[in-house]
């Protein structure tokens, strides 16, 4: 019985169990991506016009990305409390929306509806922050894959929830709103005592690389399977039994990663690897300051050493370099004791920054601007795929929305994987991978502008892939440069770049240019004597409501503008690479050795 109890205890504190649970949470947490499916229900039930629906969309974007409270509370509250707050917000916001849509509660003014949408979607920030902060603490040496996988599953949640809705096979579209209110909340409450820090840095094993490869394999299978299922369901009418069968396979793929903590618990024992345990108990010198930080070593002394050490000390052999640094550190301690040196308390790269300390750093704002131009232009495409596809002759944008969700998922998985290879195998800054992703996005926007045959498919692939890569690379890089103690606050500040970029590119540029071209087309058709009046009205140019634009000209200029700003974003990423390459060489030198 003692052995069984020990195994259960080891299983409950296994960091891979926490990681798998965080994956399951994230697979239900991307509720913001479902707004495109929910908005028609709200529009029909409340009689909204498109401008009012757009206002709800802005509230959704703000709720999805403005997580200042979640970031601040993550440093003060335990993980279970964070998940409970997120579950309550999600349930109250979307539960109230469901009551209004089903007419069980009275309709509210538009501004109050925006507040409801904001509160419901804002619960996602608590889910994301808790999952990312916890797993980065448990996997400090695998930040790229960890962030990429978790953010990838958040991108897939819309496809997963849509598939669950298909199983219910109900004509009541308000049921989807009920699923959004109940599903993520129940999953968060069920996992809130599982997702927590468990001292994962002491559980590192040589088999971790194989475990990550197993999860990557599952991710690729899951993405391929969902693409196939979406295409089949789009072109064929499946029976209820077949829909249930494909959904069961989906759940099997989601559950499969639990095999990792089970196998590790059954096959490992602390007494089997005494030498390995002794080695792993020594913290990695290359990453100590970026994970938890050494409590028994004054952080300010490390900062002083960085300021006072000679510039040629980094060119010395490792053993001699460490000897010189220790001598300098001892002299600084003695000088500080005599009052002969002023102790600086400003952290340096790799140490734990607060948000206010990070806000005065050039690196932080370069990262923010790069994210603004890259992810903002990508979100603009995601929000306007319906109009973009219709403008070039596609009647149904469903296939492009679904495919973009998959490419977004793969971009997050691939961004985390390849950026980890860059930093570990080449000790080069992670942002070089982001610069490549932003150049791919620039090519995708250019293809949207040209509107050649087939470019909608290629453009959505490039933009979706590049957009997803941002949310795997940037959080991992921020945790390396500014520490993890206040990572939640910094991450949620950076996410504001997403709706800010969307507001600039979509709200100010793309929408105004679209309306301008639509108005020109409407005036042309209205004044044309060759077209009968009835034909003009049937085409929708003079219909009530917003004018429709047709042809590649609708998004030509705005796509070229977004392509240019993606190049600017890549330039900011390369500036970050130039400024931090020395830091990354020091940080990962010991790992590579």
Protein backbone atom coordinates (compact mmCIF):
# COMPACT_ATOMS: atom_id res chain seq x y z
CA UNK A 1 0.00 0.00 0.00
CA UNK A 2 2.89 2.31 0.78
CA UNK A 3 4.24 1.88 -2.75
CA UNK A 4 0.84 2.65 -4.32
CA UNK A 5 0.48 5.77 -2.17
CA UNK A 6 3.97 6.93 -3.17
CA UNK A 7 3.19 6.36 -6.85
CA UNK A 8 -0.05 8.33 -6.56
CA UNK A 9 1.76 11.13 -4.78
CA UNK A 10 4.48 11.17 -7.44
CA UNK A 11 1.83 11.20 -10.17
CA UNK A 12 -0.07 14.12 -8.61
CA UNK A 13 3.14 16.20 -8.38
CA UNK A 14 4.52 15.27 -11.79
CA UNK A 15 5.14 18.37 -13.88
CA UNK A 16 3.99 16.58 -17.04
CA UNK A 17 0.58 16.02 -15.45
CA UNK A 18 0.38 19.78 -14.84
CA UNK A 19 1.41 20.45 -18.44
CA UNK A 20 -1.17 18.06 -19.90
CA UNK A 21 -3.88 19.55 -17.67
CA UNK A 22 -2.88 23.02 -18.88
CA UNK A 23 -3.21 21.78 -22.48
CA UNK A 24 -6.75 20.59 -21.74
CA UNK A 25 -7.60 23.92 -20.13
CA UNK A 26 -6.25 25.83 -23.13
CA UNK A 27 -8.20 23.64 -25.55
CA UNK A 28 -11.35 25.18 -24.03
CA UNK A 29 -9.99 28.64 -23.22
CA UNK A 30 -9.85 30.29 -26.66
CA UNK A 31 -13.45 31.46 -26.49
CA UNK A 32 -12.62 34.73 -28.25
CA UNK A 33 -12.04 32.86 -31.52
CA UNK A 34 -15.70 31.71 -31.47
CA UNK A 35 -17.11 35.22 -31.71
CA UNK A 36 -17.56 34.85 -35.46
CA UNK A 37 -19.97 31.97 -34.83
CA UNK A 38 -21.74 33.64 -31.89
CA UNK A 39 -22.24 37.10 -33.41
CA UNK A 40 -24.89 36.02 -35.98
CA UNK A 41 -26.94 34.53 -33.12
CA UNK A 42 -26.76 37.76 -31.13
CA UNK A 43 -27.46 39.85 -34.23
CA UNK A 44 -30.59 37.88 -35.11
CA UNK A 45 -31.90 37.68 -31.55
CA UNK A 46 -31.44 41.37 -30.71
CA UNK A 47 -31.96 42.88 -34.16
CA UNK A 48 -28.55 44.54 -34.25
CA UNK A 49 -27.03 46.10 -37.33
CA UNK A 50 -23.44 45.46 -38.40
CA UNK A 51 -22.07 48.53 -36.62
CA UNK A 52 -23.50 47.35 -33.30
CA UNK A 53 -22.09 43.88 -33.83
CA UNK A 54 -18.71 45.47 -34.57
CA UNK A 55 -18.91 47.27 -31.20
CA UNK A 56 -19.41 43.91 -29.49
CA UNK A 57 -16.39 42.62 -31.41
CA UNK A 58 -14.23 45.44 -30.07
CA UNK A 59 -15.40 44.64 -26.53
CA UNK A 60 -14.51 41.00 -27.16
CA UNK A 61 -11.00 41.89 -28.36
CA UNK A 62 -10.42 44.08 -25.31
CA UNK A 63 -11.67 41.39 -22.94
CA UNK A 64 -9.49 38.82 -24.65
CA UNK A 65 -6.29 40.85 -24.41
CA UNK A 66 -6.57 43.32 -21.52
CA UNK A 67 -5.46 41.21 -18.58
CA UNK A 68 -3.88 43.72 -16.21
CA UNK A 69 -5.79 42.34 -13.23
CA UNK A 70 -4.93 38.76 -14.17
CA UNK A 71 -1.27 39.64 -14.57
CA UNK A 72 -1.12 41.52 -11.26
CA UNK A 73 -3.03 38.88 -9.29
CA UNK A 74 -0.90 36.03 -10.68
CA UNK A 75 2.00 37.18 -8.47
CA UNK A 76 -0.23 37.28 -5.36
CA UNK A 77 -2.85 34.53 -5.64
CA UNK A 78 -2.45 30.74 -5.92
CA UNK A 79 -3.25 29.08 -9.23
CA UNK A 80 -6.58 27.64 -8.09
CA UNK A 81 -7.86 31.09 -7.13
CA UNK A 82 -6.87 32.49 -10.54
CA UNK A 83 -8.73 29.71 -12.34
CA UNK A 84 -11.77 30.14 -10.12
CA UNK A 85 -11.95 33.87 -10.90
CA UNK A 86 -11.67 33.14 -14.62
CA UNK A 87 -14.38 30.47 -14.44
CA UNK A 88 -16.77 32.81 -12.63
CA UNK A 89 -16.18 35.63 -15.13
CA UNK A 90 -16.66 33.30 -18.09
CA UNK A 91 -19.86 31.81 -16.67
CA UNK A 92 -21.40 35.13 -15.59
CA UNK A 93 -20.59 36.95 -18.84
CA UNK A 94 -21.61 34.34 -21.40
CA UNK A 95 -24.31 32.84 -19.16
CA UNK A 96 -26.01 36.22 -19.01
CA UNK A 97 -25.60 36.59 -22.77
CA UNK A 98 -27.28 33.20 -23.24
CA UNK A 99 -30.22 34.24 -21.04
CA UNK A 100 -30.65 37.40 -23.13
CA UNK A 101 -30.37 35.58 -26.46
CA UNK A 102 -32.96 32.98 -25.38
CA UNK A 103 -35.19 35.83 -24.05
CA UNK A 104 -35.10 34.49 -20.48
CA UNK A 105 -33.62 37.85 -19.42
CA UNK A 106 -34.46 41.31 -20.75
CA UNK A 107 -32.28 42.86 -23.44
CA UNK A 108 -29.81 45.49 -22.24
CA UNK A 109 -28.47 48.67 -23.84
CA UNK A 110 -25.58 48.21 -26.24
CA UNK A 111 -22.95 49.52 -23.80
CA UNK A 112 -24.07 47.02 -21.15
CA UNK A 113 -23.96 44.22 -23.72
CA UNK A 114 -20.36 45.26 -24.45
CA UNK A 115 -19.60 45.03 -20.73
CA UNK A 116 -21.07 41.52 -20.58
CA UNK A 117 -18.99 40.39 -23.56
CA UNK A 118 -15.88 41.99 -22.05
CA UNK A 119 -16.38 40.29 -18.66
CA UNK A 120 -17.06 36.87 -20.19
CA UNK A 121 -14.09 36.96 -22.55
CA UNK A 122 -11.80 38.46 -19.91
CA UNK A 123 -12.04 35.18 -18.01
CA UNK A 124 -9.79 33.76 -20.74
CA UNK A 125 -6.94 36.01 -19.57
CA UNK A 126 -6.97 34.26 -16.18
CA UNK A 127 -6.84 30.85 -17.88
CA UNK A 128 -3.99 31.85 -20.19
CA UNK A 129 -1.97 33.63 -17.52
CA UNK A 130 -2.25 30.76 -15.03
CA UNK A 131 -1.37 28.10 -17.59
CA UNK A 132 1.62 30.01 -18.99
CA UNK A 133 3.09 31.21 -15.69
CA UNK A 134 2.72 27.81 -14.03
CA UNK A 135 4.19 25.80 -16.89
CA UNK A 136 7.10 28.20 -17.50
CA UNK A 137 7.97 27.80 -13.83
CA UNK A 138 7.77 24.01 -14.17
CA UNK A 139 9.68 23.94 -17.50
CA UNK A 140 12.22 26.80 -17.23
CA UNK A 141 14.58 25.12 -19.71
CA UNK A 142 11.89 24.45 -22.35
CA UNK A 143 10.10 27.77 -22.62
CA UNK A 144 9.67 27.80 -26.40
CA UNK A 145 7.94 24.42 -26.74
CA UNK A 146 5.93 25.00 -23.56
CA UNK A 147 4.51 28.36 -24.64
CA UNK A 148 4.01 27.25 -28.25
CA UNK A 149 2.01 24.15 -27.34
CA UNK A 150 -0.18 25.91 -24.77
CA UNK A 151 -0.96 28.87 -27.02
CA UNK A 152 -1.51 26.47 -29.91
CA UNK A 153 -4.26 24.61 -28.07
CA UNK A 154 -5.92 27.95 -27.26
CA UNK A 155 -6.06 28.61 -31.01
CA UNK A 156 -7.66 25.21 -31.61
CA UNK A 157 -10.43 25.65 -29.05
CA UNK A 158 -12.86 27.16 -31.55
CA UNK A 159 -12.59 24.10 -33.79
CA UNK A 160 -12.98 21.76 -30.79
CA UNK A 161 -16.05 23.55 -29.40
CA UNK A 162 -17.58 23.73 -32.88
CA UNK A 163 -17.15 19.97 -33.23
CA UNK A 164 -18.82 19.40 -29.85
CA UNK A 165 -21.70 21.60 -31.00
CA UNK A 166 -22.03 19.47 -34.16
CA UNK A 167 -22.51 16.38 -31.97
CA UNK A 168 -25.50 17.97 -30.23
CA UNK A 169 -27.17 18.33 -33.65
CA UNK A 170 -29.63 20.97 -32.49
CA UNK A 171 -31.20 23.71 -34.64
CA UNK A 172 -31.03 26.09 -31.66
CA UNK A 173 -27.90 28.13 -32.37
CA UNK A 174 -28.08 29.70 -28.89
CA UNK A 175 -26.83 26.35 -27.57
CA UNK A 176 -23.35 27.34 -28.76
CA UNK A 177 -23.45 30.36 -26.44
CA UNK A 178 -24.45 28.05 -23.57
CA UNK A 179 -21.50 25.76 -24.36
CA UNK A 180 -19.11 28.72 -24.26
CA UNK A 181 -20.54 29.73 -20.87
CA UNK A 182 -20.43 26.29 -19.26
CA UNK A 183 -17.66 24.28 -20.98
CA UNK A 184 -14.53 26.34 -20.15
CA UNK A 185 -15.82 27.10 -16.64
CA UNK A 186 -16.33 23.43 -15.77
CA UNK A 187 -12.93 22.44 -17.16
CA UNK A 188 -11.20 25.22 -15.20
CA UNK A 189 -12.91 24.25 -11.93
CA UNK A 190 -12.14 20.57 -12.50
CA UNK A 191 -8.42 21.28 -13.05
CA UNK A 192 -7.84 24.16 -10.66
CA UNK A 193 -6.06 21.99 -8.06
CA UNK A 194 -3.97 20.19 -10.70
CA UNK A 195 -2.47 23.20 -12.53
CA UNK A 196 0.08 24.57 -10.07
CA UNK A 197 3.87 24.92 -9.64
CA UNK A 198 5.39 21.61 -8.51
CA UNK A 199 9.10 22.39 -8.51
CA UNK A 200 9.39 21.19 -12.08
CA UNK A 201 12.99 22.41 -12.53
CA UNK A 202 14.05 19.56 -10.21
CA UNK A 203 12.21 16.98 -12.34
CA UNK A 204 14.22 17.48 -15.54
CA UNK A 205 15.16 14.18 -17.22
CA UNK A 206 17.00 13.23 -20.43
CA UNK A 207 13.69 11.73 -21.60
CA UNK A 208 12.03 15.17 -21.68
CA UNK A 209 13.04 15.66 -25.31
CA UNK A 210 11.21 12.46 -26.29
CA UNK A 211 8.17 13.54 -24.30
CA UNK A 212 7.99 16.85 -26.15
CA UNK A 213 8.38 15.06 -29.48
CA UNK A 214 5.48 12.77 -28.54
CA UNK A 215 3.29 15.81 -27.81
CA UNK A 216 4.41 17.46 -31.06
CA UNK A 217 3.37 14.30 -32.91
CA UNK A 218 -0.04 14.41 -31.23
CA UNK A 219 -0.39 18.08 -32.19
CA UNK A 220 0.35 17.38 -35.84
CA UNK A 221 -2.08 14.45 -35.87
CA UNK A 222 -4.73 16.59 -34.21
CA UNK A 223 -4.28 19.45 -36.70
CA UNK A 224 -4.34 17.09 -39.69
CA UNK A 225 -7.39 15.29 -38.33
CA UNK A 226 -9.32 18.51 -37.73
CA UNK A 227 -8.52 19.79 -41.23
CA UNK A 228 -9.79 16.53 -42.71
CA UNK A 229 -12.94 16.53 -40.56
CA UNK A 230 -13.72 20.17 -41.44
CA UNK A 231 -13.33 19.56 -45.16
CA UNK A 232 -15.43 16.39 -45.09
CA UNK A 233 -18.22 18.02 -43.05
CA UNK A 234 -18.12 21.05 -45.34
CA UNK A 235 -18.63 19.05 -48.53
CA UNK A 236 -20.68 16.07 -47.27
CA UNK A 237 -23.64 15.57 -44.96
CA UNK A 238 -22.53 13.08 -42.30
CA UNK A 239 -24.91 10.96 -40.27
CA UNK A 240 -25.29 11.54 -36.53
CA UNK A 241 -23.48 8.28 -35.73
CA UNK A 242 -20.51 9.23 -37.91
CA UNK A 243 -20.30 12.69 -36.33
CA UNK A 244 -20.21 11.10 -32.87
CA UNK A 245 -17.51 8.68 -34.03
CA UNK A 246 -15.20 11.40 -35.38
CA UNK A 247 -15.72 13.40 -32.18
CA UNK A 248 -14.72 10.39 -30.05
CA UNK A 249 -11.49 10.11 -32.06
CA UNK A 250 -10.91 13.83 -31.39
CA UNK A 251 -11.23 13.24 -27.65
CA UNK A 252 -8.89 10.25 -27.82
CA UNK A 253 -6.22 12.44 -29.44
CA UNK A 254 -6.72 15.06 -26.74
CA UNK A 255 -6.42 12.51 -23.93
CA UNK A 256 -3.38 10.66 -25.32
CA UNK A 257 -0.71 12.97 -23.77
CA UNK A 258 -1.71 11.76 -20.29
CA UNK A 259 0.36 8.67 -21.15
CA UNK A 260 3.54 10.68 -20.47
CA UNK A 261 3.05 11.28 -16.71
CA UNK A 262 1.59 7.80 -16.30
CA UNK A 263 4.60 6.11 -17.91
CA UNK A 264 7.09 8.32 -16.05
CA UNK A 265 5.43 7.59 -12.71
CA UNK A 266 5.34 3.84 -13.26
CA UNK A 267 8.88 3.55 -14.64
CA UNK A 268 10.87 6.02 -12.54
CA UNK A 269 12.09 5.90 -8.99
CA UNK A 270 14.21 8.34 -7.04
CA UNK A 271 16.59 5.61 -5.97
CA UNK A 272 17.21 4.40 -9.50
CA UNK A 273 19.15 7.49 -10.60
CA UNK A 274 21.13 8.79 -7.61
CA UNK A 275 23.86 10.38 -9.76
CA UNK A 276 21.29 12.03 -12.02
CA UNK A 277 19.39 13.36 -8.99
CA UNK A 278 22.56 14.87 -7.60
CA UNK A 279 23.37 16.56 -10.88
CA UNK A 280 19.84 17.84 -11.36
CA UNK A 281 19.76 19.29 -7.87
CA UNK A 282 22.42 21.79 -9.00
CA UNK A 283 20.67 24.71 -10.71
CA UNK A 284 21.88 25.59 -14.14
CA UNK A 285 24.15 28.61 -13.94
CA UNK A 286 23.05 29.71 -17.37
CA UNK A 287 19.41 29.95 -16.40
CA UNK A 288 19.28 30.49 -12.67
CA UNK A 289 18.45 34.15 -12.88
CA UNK A 290 15.73 33.68 -15.48
CA UNK A 291 13.71 31.03 -13.73
CA UNK A 292 13.31 31.38 -10.03
CA UNK A 293 16.38 33.35 -9.06
CA UNK A 294 18.70 32.43 -6.22
CA UNK A 295 17.24 33.41 -2.91
CA UNK A 296 20.54 33.05 -1.06
CA UNK A 297 22.52 35.28 -3.42
CA UNK A 298 21.83 39.04 -3.46
CA UNK A 299 20.50 40.03 -6.85
CA UNK A 300 21.94 43.53 -6.56
CA UNK A 301 25.48 42.17 -6.35
CA UNK A 302 25.00 40.36 -9.65
CA UNK A 303 23.89 43.62 -11.21
CA UNK A 304 26.96 45.41 -9.88
CA UNK A 305 29.23 42.70 -11.25
CA UNK A 306 27.64 43.15 -14.68
CA UNK A 307 28.32 46.90 -14.51
CA UNK A 308 31.85 46.74 -13.08
CA UNK A 309 33.42 43.78 -14.84
CA UNK A 310 35.98 44.53 -17.60
CA UNK A 311 34.70 44.27 -21.16
CA UNK A 312 37.37 41.71 -22.12
CA UNK A 313 36.34 39.29 -19.37
CA UNK A 314 33.84 37.50 -21.66
CA UNK A 315 36.66 36.51 -24.04
CA UNK A 316 38.44 34.49 -21.32
CA UNK A 317 38.04 30.71 -20.96
CA UNK A 318 34.95 29.75 -18.89
CA UNK A 319 36.91 28.67 -15.80
CA UNK A 320 39.06 31.81 -15.76
CA UNK A 321 36.06 34.02 -16.46
CA UNK A 322 34.11 32.61 -13.50
CA UNK A 323 37.16 33.00 -11.25
CA UNK A 324 37.54 36.67 -12.18
CA UNK A 325 33.82 37.32 -11.67
CA UNK A 326 33.91 35.72 -8.20
CA UNK A 327 36.91 37.86 -7.23
CA UNK A 328 35.15 41.01 -8.40
CA UNK A 329 31.97 40.00 -6.61
CA UNK A 330 33.88 39.47 -3.34
CA UNK A 331 35.47 42.92 -3.64
CA UNK A 332 32.07 44.50 -4.22
CA UNK A 333 30.63 42.77 -1.15
CA UNK A 334 33.51 44.05 0.99
CA UNK A 335 33.15 47.56 -0.45
CA UNK A 336 29.42 47.52 0.18
CA UNK A 337 30.00 46.47 3.79
CA UNK A 338 32.35 49.48 4.24
CA UNK A 339 29.88 51.79 2.50
CA UNK A 340 32.34 52.36 -0.29
CA UNK A 341 30.01 51.39 -3.10
CA UNK A 342 26.40 52.30 -3.86
CA UNK A 343 24.29 49.21 -4.34
CA UNK A 344 22.15 49.42 -7.45
CA UNK A 345 18.80 47.67 -7.28
CA UNK A 346 17.84 48.04 -10.93
CA UNK A 347 17.64 44.56 -12.49
CA UNK A 348 19.48 43.64 -15.64
CA UNK A 349 18.55 41.34 -18.53
CA UNK A 350 17.59 37.91 -17.27
CA UNK A 351 16.73 39.05 -13.75
CA UNK A 352 13.22 39.49 -12.38
CA UNK A 353 11.73 42.82 -13.50
CA UNK A 354 8.50 44.34 -12.32
CA UNK A 355 6.19 45.73 -14.99
CA UNK A 356 7.14 49.31 -14.14
CA UNK A 357 10.84 48.46 -14.38
CA UNK A 358 10.28 46.75 -17.75
CA UNK A 359 8.35 49.76 -19.09
CA UNK A 360 11.47 51.95 -19.02
CA UNK A 361 13.52 49.44 -21.03
CA UNK A 362 14.04 49.90 -24.77
CA UNK A 363 13.97 46.15 -25.37
CA UNK A 364 10.46 45.90 -23.94
CA UNK A 365 9.06 48.62 -26.21
CA UNK A 366 10.79 47.19 -29.27
CA UNK A 367 9.08 43.87 -28.50
CA UNK A 368 5.73 45.67 -28.05
CA UNK A 369 6.02 47.56 -31.35
CA UNK A 370 7.07 44.43 -33.21
CA UNK A 371 4.02 42.65 -31.79
CA UNK A 372 1.78 45.61 -32.65
CA UNK A 373 2.70 45.57 -36.35
CA UNK A 374 2.84 41.79 -36.74
CA UNK A 375 -0.03 40.40 -34.67
CA UNK A 376 -2.22 43.49 -35.26
CA UNK A 377 -2.15 43.01 -39.01
CA UNK A 378 -2.78 39.28 -38.60
CA UNK A 379 -5.81 39.87 -36.37
CA UNK A 380 -7.14 42.31 -38.95
CA UNK A 381 -7.13 39.56 -41.57
CA UNK A 382 -8.80 37.11 -39.17
CA UNK A 383 -11.56 39.62 -38.34
CA UNK A 384 -12.16 40.54 -42.02
CA UNK A 385 -11.85 37.17 -43.73
CA UNK A 386 -15.57 37.17 -44.53
CA UNK A 387 -15.45 40.45 -46.45
CA UNK A 388 -12.07 39.64 -48.03
CA UNK A 389 -13.24 36.31 -49.42
CA UNK A 390 -16.56 37.72 -50.62
CA UNK A 391 -14.81 40.63 -52.34
CA UNK A 392 -12.81 38.26 -54.55
CA UNK A 393 -15.76 36.03 -55.38
CA UNK A 394 -16.10 33.40 -52.64
CA UNK A 395 -19.64 33.07 -51.32
CA UNK A 396 -18.76 31.22 -48.11
CA UNK A 397 -15.83 32.23 -45.90
CA UNK A 398 -16.28 29.25 -43.55
CA UNK A 399 -13.46 27.24 -45.09
CA UNK A 400 -10.97 30.12 -44.79
CA UNK A 401 -11.92 30.79 -41.15
CA UNK A 402 -11.46 27.12 -40.29
CA UNK A 403 -8.16 26.78 -42.15
CA UNK A 404 -6.79 29.95 -40.55
CA UNK A 405 -7.52 28.43 -37.14
CA UNK A 406 -5.42 25.39 -38.06
CA UNK A 407 -2.55 27.47 -39.51
CA UNK A 408 -2.65 29.61 -36.36
CA UNK A 409 -2.27 26.44 -34.29
CA UNK A 410 0.62 25.16 -36.39
CA UNK A 411 2.30 28.58 -36.28
CA UNK A 412 2.26 28.52 -32.49
CA UNK A 413 3.57 24.96 -32.33
CA UNK A 414 6.24 25.59 -34.97
CA UNK A 415 7.23 28.98 -33.55
CA UNK A 416 7.96 27.45 -30.17
CA UNK A 417 9.81 24.46 -31.64
CA UNK A 418 12.08 26.30 -34.10
CA UNK A 419 12.82 29.22 -31.78
CA UNK A 420 13.96 26.70 -29.17
CA UNK A 421 16.36 25.15 -31.69
CA UNK A 422 17.73 28.64 -32.45
CA UNK A 423 18.46 29.49 -28.82
CA UNK A 424 19.69 26.06 -27.71
CA UNK A 425 21.66 24.82 -30.69
CA UNK A 426 22.97 28.19 -31.88
CA UNK A 427 22.71 30.40 -28.72
CA UNK A 428 21.08 33.05 -30.91
CA UNK A 429 18.17 35.33 -29.87
CA UNK A 430 14.71 33.88 -30.22
CA UNK A 431 13.43 36.91 -32.12
CA UNK A 432 15.21 35.88 -35.31
CA UNK A 433 12.40 33.33 -35.73
CA UNK A 434 9.83 36.10 -35.25
CA UNK A 435 11.50 38.24 -37.93
CA UNK A 436 11.18 35.32 -40.37
CA UNK A 437 7.51 34.86 -39.43
CA UNK A 438 6.81 38.56 -40.01
CA UNK A 439 8.46 38.44 -43.44
CA UNK A 440 6.17 35.50 -44.31
CA UNK A 441 3.20 37.56 -43.15
CA UNK A 442 4.33 40.45 -45.36
CA UNK A 443 4.32 38.05 -48.32
CA UNK A 444 0.83 36.87 -47.36
CA UNK A 445 -0.55 40.42 -47.21
CA UNK A 446 1.05 41.15 -50.58
CA UNK A 447 -0.73 38.13 -52.08
CA UNK A 448 -4.03 39.37 -50.63
CA UNK A 449 -3.43 42.71 -52.37
CA UNK A 450 -2.65 41.09 -55.73
CA UNK A 451 -5.69 38.75 -55.52
CA UNK A 452 -4.30 36.31 -58.08
CA UNK A 453 -6.10 32.95 -58.48
CA UNK A 454 -5.51 30.77 -55.42
CA UNK A 455 -3.87 33.54 -53.37
CA UNK A 456 -6.63 33.45 -50.73
CA UNK A 457 -5.52 29.95 -49.76
CA UNK A 458 -1.80 30.78 -49.78
CA UNK A 459 -2.34 34.13 -48.07
CA UNK A 460 -4.38 32.66 -45.21
CA UNK A 461 -1.70 30.01 -44.75
CA UNK A 462 1.17 32.52 -44.50
CA UNK A 463 -0.67 35.05 -42.36
CA UNK A 464 -2.18 32.42 -40.05
CA UNK A 465 1.19 30.72 -39.62
CA UNK A 466 3.01 33.99 -38.91
CA UNK A 467 0.31 35.30 -36.56
CA UNK A 468 0.42 32.11 -34.50
CA UNK A 469 4.23 32.24 -34.25
CA UNK A 470 4.01 35.59 -32.41
CA UNK A 471 2.20 34.00 -29.46
CA UNK A 472 4.80 31.28 -29.01
CA UNK A 473 7.97 33.33 -29.47
CA UNK A 474 7.18 36.62 -27.68
CA UNK A 475 6.07 35.20 -24.28
CA UNK A 476 9.09 32.88 -24.15
CA UNK A 477 11.47 35.73 -25.03
CA UNK A 478 9.93 38.07 -22.44
CA UNK A 479 10.30 35.44 -19.70
CA UNK A 480 13.99 35.08 -20.61
CA UNK A 481 14.78 38.79 -20.79
CA UNK A 482 12.65 40.02 -17.87
CA UNK A 483 12.21 36.97 -15.61
CA UNK A 484 9.14 35.00 -14.58
CA UNK A 485 8.32 36.48 -11.16
CA UNK A 486 6.14 39.22 -12.72
CA UNK A 487 5.75 37.55 -16.10
CA UNK A 488 1.95 37.54 -15.87
CA UNK A 489 1.75 41.34 -15.64
CA UNK A 490 4.22 41.87 -18.50
CA UNK A 491 2.55 39.28 -20.73
CA UNK A 492 -0.87 40.83 -20.28
CA UNK A 493 0.52 44.30 -21.02
CA UNK A 494 2.07 43.00 -24.24
CA UNK A 495 -1.22 41.44 -25.35
CA UNK A 496 -2.71 44.94 -25.51
CA UNK A 497 -0.67 45.31 -28.71
CA UNK A 498 -3.09 42.86 -30.35
CA UNK A 499 -6.32 44.92 -30.14
CA UNK A 500 -4.31 48.15 -30.54
CA UNK A 501 -2.93 46.89 -33.85
CA UNK A 502 -6.37 45.67 -34.90
CA UNK A 503 -7.84 49.08 -34.07
CA UNK A 504 -5.24 50.80 -36.26
CA UNK A 505 -5.25 48.42 -39.22
CA UNK A 506 -8.89 47.32 -39.16
CA UNK A 507 -10.75 50.17 -37.48
CA UNK A 508 -8.88 53.07 -39.07
CA UNK A 509 -7.31 51.79 -42.30
CA UNK A 510 -9.01 48.70 -43.77
CA UNK A 511 -12.61 49.61 -42.86
CA UNK A 512 -12.35 53.21 -44.10
CA UNK A 513 -10.71 52.17 -47.37
CA UNK A 514 -13.32 49.43 -47.83
CA UNK A 515 -16.22 51.90 -47.28
CA UNK A 516 -14.55 54.40 -49.61
CA UNK A 517 -14.30 51.87 -52.44
CA UNK A 518 -17.81 50.58 -51.72
CA UNK A 519 -19.19 54.11 -51.92
CA UNK A 520 -17.39 54.72 -55.22
CA UNK A 521 -18.87 51.51 -56.65
CA UNK A 522 -22.33 52.44 -55.37
CA UNK A 523 -22.15 55.89 -56.94
CA UNK A 524 -20.89 54.43 -60.21
CA UNK A 525 -23.70 51.90 -60.46
CA UNK A 526 -26.28 54.45 -59.36
CA UNK A 527 -25.29 56.89 -62.10
CA UNK A 528 -24.90 54.25 -64.79
CA UNK A 529 -27.69 54.46 -67.34
CA UNK A 530 -26.93 51.00 -68.64
CA UNK A 531 -28.11 49.22 -65.51
CA UNK A 532 -31.81 49.04 -64.68
CA UNK A 533 -32.74 50.31 -61.20
CA UNK A 534 -34.04 46.91 -60.04
CA UNK A 535 -30.72 45.23 -60.94
CA UNK A 536 -28.80 47.85 -58.96
CA UNK A 537 -30.93 47.24 -55.87
CA UNK A 538 -30.64 43.46 -56.21
CA UNK A 539 -26.87 43.73 -56.34
CA UNK A 540 -26.97 45.44 -52.92
CA UNK A 541 -25.21 48.64 -53.92
CA UNK A 542 -28.19 50.80 -52.89
CA UNK A 543 -29.61 48.49 -50.26
CA UNK A 544 -30.29 49.62 -46.71
CA UNK A 545 -27.30 49.25 -44.41
CA UNK A 546 -23.60 49.29 -45.19
CA UNK A 547 -22.50 49.31 -48.81
CA UNK A 548 -20.78 46.23 -50.23
CA UNK A 549 -17.50 46.35 -52.08
CA UNK A 550 -16.58 43.85 -54.76
CA UNK A 551 -13.27 43.10 -56.43
CA UNK A 552 -9.60 43.04 -55.42
CA UNK A 553 -9.60 46.85 -55.04
CA UNK A 554 -11.51 46.54 -51.73
CA UNK A 555 -8.43 45.48 -49.75
CA UNK A 556 -5.65 46.33 -52.20
CA UNK A 557 -4.24 49.42 -50.49
CA UNK A 558 -4.84 48.22 -46.92
CA UNK A 559 -3.12 44.89 -47.64
CA UNK A 560 -0.09 46.68 -49.08
CA UNK A 561 0.02 48.94 -45.99
CA UNK A 562 -0.08 45.91 -43.67
CA UNK A 563 2.61 44.20 -45.74
CA UNK A 564 4.87 47.24 -45.32
CA UNK A 565 4.26 47.42 -41.57
CA UNK A 566 5.08 43.71 -41.23
CA UNK A 567 8.48 44.55 -42.74
CA UNK A 568 8.82 47.32 -40.15
CA UNK A 569 7.91 44.79 -37.44
CA UNK A 570 10.61 42.45 -38.75
CA UNK A 571 13.10 45.34 -38.54
CA UNK A 572 12.20 45.85 -34.86
CA UNK A 573 12.66 42.10 -34.28
CA UNK A 574 16.12 42.26 -35.84
CA UNK A 575 16.97 45.23 -33.60
CA UNK A 576 16.05 43.08 -30.60
CA UNK A 577 18.28 40.32 -31.99
CA UNK A 578 21.19 42.76 -32.29
CA UNK A 579 20.70 44.15 -28.78
CA UNK A 580 20.31 40.78 -27.00
CA UNK A 581 22.61 38.40 -28.88
CA UNK A 582 25.37 38.77 -26.26
CA UNK A 583 22.90 38.01 -23.46
CA UNK A 584 21.58 34.89 -25.21
CA UNK A 585 25.13 33.67 -25.88
CA UNK A 586 25.83 33.86 -22.14
CA UNK A 587 22.46 32.46 -21.12
CA UNK A 588 22.58 29.29 -23.22
CA UNK A 589 26.34 28.71 -23.40
CA UNK A 590 26.28 26.23 -20.52
CA UNK A 591 23.24 24.44 -21.96
CA UNK A 592 24.97 23.96 -25.31
CA UNK A 593 28.18 22.78 -23.61
